[in-house]
Amino acid sequence: MRGGQRYRVQVTSGLSYTAVFEPVEDGWVQARLAGLPGVITAAPTQDEAQELLLDALREYLLSLIEPSDAYSAPVGGRRIDVELRAS
């Protein structure tokens, strides 16, 4: 992290989402998370689709905390790094 400290945050409760895998064109597999319409991907195999789905979830979560042109972090704000693991 640029110019800041790295914190490890322990979450005491978790979130659970259902991954939906469906066949699509040309034998590919579409993967999405039920309840999060912005988290969707496709790949040639279900294993690859699952890996890409985790990447899509990471990017989605990062988009929620990354400052955009319309939002700037408040003075004294902190950024935390979150590590996601598939089980």
C-alpha atoms as a PDB file:
ATOM      1  CA  MET A   1       0.000   0.000   0.000  1.00  0.00           C
ATOM      2  CA  ARG A   2       1.400   3.374  -0.939  1.00  0.00           C
ATOM      3  CA  GLY A   3       2.284   5.691   1.887  1.00  0.00           C
ATOM      4  CA  GLY A   4       0.343   3.881   4.554  1.00  0.00           C
ATOM      5  CA  GLN A   5       0.338   0.971   6.898  1.00  0.00           C
ATOM      6  CA  ARG A   6      -1.003  -2.483   6.243  1.00  0.00           C
ATOM      7  CA  TYR A   7      -3.592  -3.792   8.668  1.00  0.00           C
ATOM      8  CA  ARG A   8      -4.869  -7.323   9.072  1.00  0.00           C
ATOM      9  CA  VAL A   9      -8.558  -7.336   9.852  1.00  0.00           C
ATOM     10  CA  GLN A  10     -10.292 -10.368  11.288  1.00  0.00           C
ATOM     11  CA  VAL A  11     -13.928 -10.644  10.363  1.00  0.00           C
ATOM     12  CA  THR A  12     -15.998 -12.237  13.084  1.00  0.00           C
ATOM     13  CA  SER A  13     -18.942 -12.981  10.843  1.00  0.00           C
ATOM     14  CA  GLY A  14     -18.869 -13.968   7.220  1.00  0.00           C
ATOM     15  CA  LEU A  15     -20.892 -13.431   4.105  1.00  0.00           C
ATOM     16  CA  SER A  16     -22.075 -16.299   1.992  1.00  0.00           C
ATOM     17  CA  TYR A  17     -23.069 -16.054  -1.658  1.00  0.00           C
ATOM     18  CA  THR A  18     -24.300 -18.785  -3.958  1.00  0.00           C
ATOM     19  CA  ALA A  19     -22.196 -19.276  -7.069  1.00  0.00           C
ATOM     20  CA  VAL A  20     -24.271 -20.158 -10.128  1.00  0.00           C
ATOM     21  CA  PHE A  21     -22.575 -21.985 -13.003  1.00  0.00           C
ATOM     22  CA  GLU A  22     -24.456 -22.255 -16.308  1.00  0.00           C
ATOM     23  CA  PRO A  23     -23.437 -23.478 -19.774  1.00  0.00           C
ATOM     24  CA  VAL A  24     -23.352 -20.761 -22.429  1.00  0.00           C
ATOM     25  CA  GLU A  25     -22.292 -20.482 -26.082  1.00  0.00           C
ATOM     26  CA  ASP A  26     -19.464 -22.552 -27.533  1.00  0.00           C
ATOM     27  CA  GLY A  27     -19.295 -24.840 -24.480  1.00  0.00           C
ATOM     28  CA  TRP A  28     -18.192 -22.105 -22.088  1.00  0.00           C
ATOM     29  CA  VAL A  29     -19.371 -21.841 -18.510  1.00  0.00           C
ATOM     30  CA  GLN A  30     -20.870 -18.637 -17.125  1.00  0.00           C
ATOM     31  CA  ALA A  31     -20.340 -18.021 -13.413  1.00  0.00           C
ATOM     32  CA  ARG A  32     -22.131 -15.432 -11.321  1.00  0.00           C
ATOM     33  CA  LEU A  33     -22.875 -14.709  -7.701  1.00  0.00           C
ATOM     34  CA  ALA A  34     -26.551 -14.711  -6.805  1.00  0.00           C
ATOM     35  CA  GLY A  35     -27.334 -11.446  -5.055  1.00  0.00           C
ATOM     36  CA  LEU A  36     -24.448  -9.525  -6.642  1.00  0.00           C
ATOM     37  CA  PRO A  37     -25.435  -8.831 -10.265  1.00  0.00           C
ATOM     38  CA  GLY A  38     -22.137  -7.074 -11.016  1.00  0.00           C
ATOM     39  CA  VAL A  39     -20.078 -10.190 -10.286  1.00  0.00           C
ATOM     40  CA  ILE A  40     -20.218 -12.322 -13.427  1.00  0.00           C
ATOM     41  CA  THR A  41     -17.687 -13.989 -15.728  1.00  0.00           C
ATOM     42  CA  ALA A  42     -17.267 -16.863 -18.189  1.00  0.00           C
ATOM     43  CA  ALA A  43     -14.523 -19.344 -19.023  1.00  0.00           C
ATOM     44  CA  PRO A  44     -13.972 -22.553 -21.002  1.00  0.00           C
ATOM     45  CA  THR A  45     -14.227 -24.753 -17.873  1.00  0.00           C
ATOM     46  CA  GLN A  46     -16.020 -24.574 -14.529  1.00  0.00           C
ATOM     47  CA  ASP A  47     -12.707 -24.571 -12.635  1.00  0.00           C
ATOM     48  CA  GLU A  48     -11.479 -21.596 -14.651  1.00  0.00           C
ATOM     49  CA  ALA A  49     -14.839 -19.866 -14.248  1.00  0.00           C
ATOM     50  CA  GLN A  50     -14.602 -20.312 -10.470  1.00  0.00           C
ATOM     51  CA  GLU A  51     -11.131 -18.733 -10.390  1.00  0.00           C
ATOM     52  CA  LEU A  52     -12.312 -15.821 -12.518  1.00  0.00           C
ATOM     53  CA  LEU A  53     -15.409 -15.440 -10.338  1.00  0.00           C
ATOM     54  CA  LEU A  54     -13.201 -14.953  -7.273  1.00  0.00           C
ATOM     55  CA  ASP A  55     -11.221 -12.337  -9.208  1.00  0.00           C
ATOM     56  CA  ALA A  56     -14.466 -10.621 -10.209  1.00  0.00           C
ATOM     57  CA  LEU A  57     -15.581 -10.569  -6.569  1.00  0.00           C
ATOM     58  CA  ARG A  58     -12.246  -9.063  -5.476  1.00  0.00           C
ATOM     59  CA  GLU A  59     -12.545  -6.347  -8.121  1.00  0.00           C
ATOM     60  CA  TYR A  60     -16.151  -5.669  -7.154  1.00  0.00           C
ATOM     61  CA  LEU A  61     -15.214  -5.256  -3.481  1.00  0.00           C
ATOM     62  CA  LEU A  62     -12.240  -3.068  -4.373  1.00  0.00           C
ATOM     63  CA  SER A  63     -14.509  -0.857  -6.468  1.00  0.00           C
ATOM     64  CA  LEU A  64     -16.529  -0.180  -3.330  1.00  0.00           C
ATOM     65  CA  ILE A  65     -13.528   1.191  -1.447  1.00  0.00           C
ATOM     66  CA  GLU A  66     -11.390   2.744  -4.199  1.00  0.00           C
ATOM     67  CA  PRO A  67     -11.791   6.509  -4.473  1.00  0.00           C
ATOM     68  CA  SER A  68     -13.297   7.595  -7.781  1.00  0.00           C
ATOM     69  CA  ASP A  69     -13.502  11.004  -9.419  1.00  0.00           C
ATOM     70  CA  ALA A  70     -16.838  11.556  -7.676  1.00  0.00           C
ATOM     71  CA  TYR A  71     -15.582  10.491  -4.245  1.00  0.00           C
ATOM     72  CA  SER A  72     -12.489  11.394  -2.326  1.00  0.00           C
ATOM     73  CA  ALA A  73     -11.489   9.802   0.951  1.00  0.00           C
ATOM     74  CA  PRO A  74     -12.149  11.982   3.972  1.00  0.00           C
ATOM     75  CA  VAL A  75      -9.192  13.611   5.679  1.00  0.00           C
ATOM     76  CA  GLY A  76      -7.777  11.087   8.133  1.00  0.00           C
ATOM     77  CA  GLY A  77      -9.429   8.173   6.305  1.00  0.00           C
ATOM     78  CA  ARG A  78      -7.702   4.813   6.128  1.00  0.00           C
ATOM     79  CA  ARG A  79      -7.595   2.095   3.535  1.00  0.00           C
ATOM     80  CA  ILE A  80      -7.571  -1.536   4.602  1.00  0.00           C
ATOM     81  CA  ASP A  81      -6.494  -4.573   2.590  1.00  0.00           C
ATOM     82  CA  VAL A  82      -8.869  -7.529   2.562  1.00  0.00           C
ATOM     83  CA  GLU A  83      -7.717 -11.015   1.642  1.00  0.00           C
ATOM     84  CA  LEU A  84     -10.289 -13.382   0.116  1.00  0.00           C
ATOM     85  CA  ARG A  85      -9.915 -17.141   0.178  1.00  0.00           C
ATOM     86  CA  ALA A  86     -12.036 -19.742  -1.573  1.00  0.00           C
ATOM     87  CA  SER A  87     -13.013 -22.771   0.427  1.00  0.00           C
END
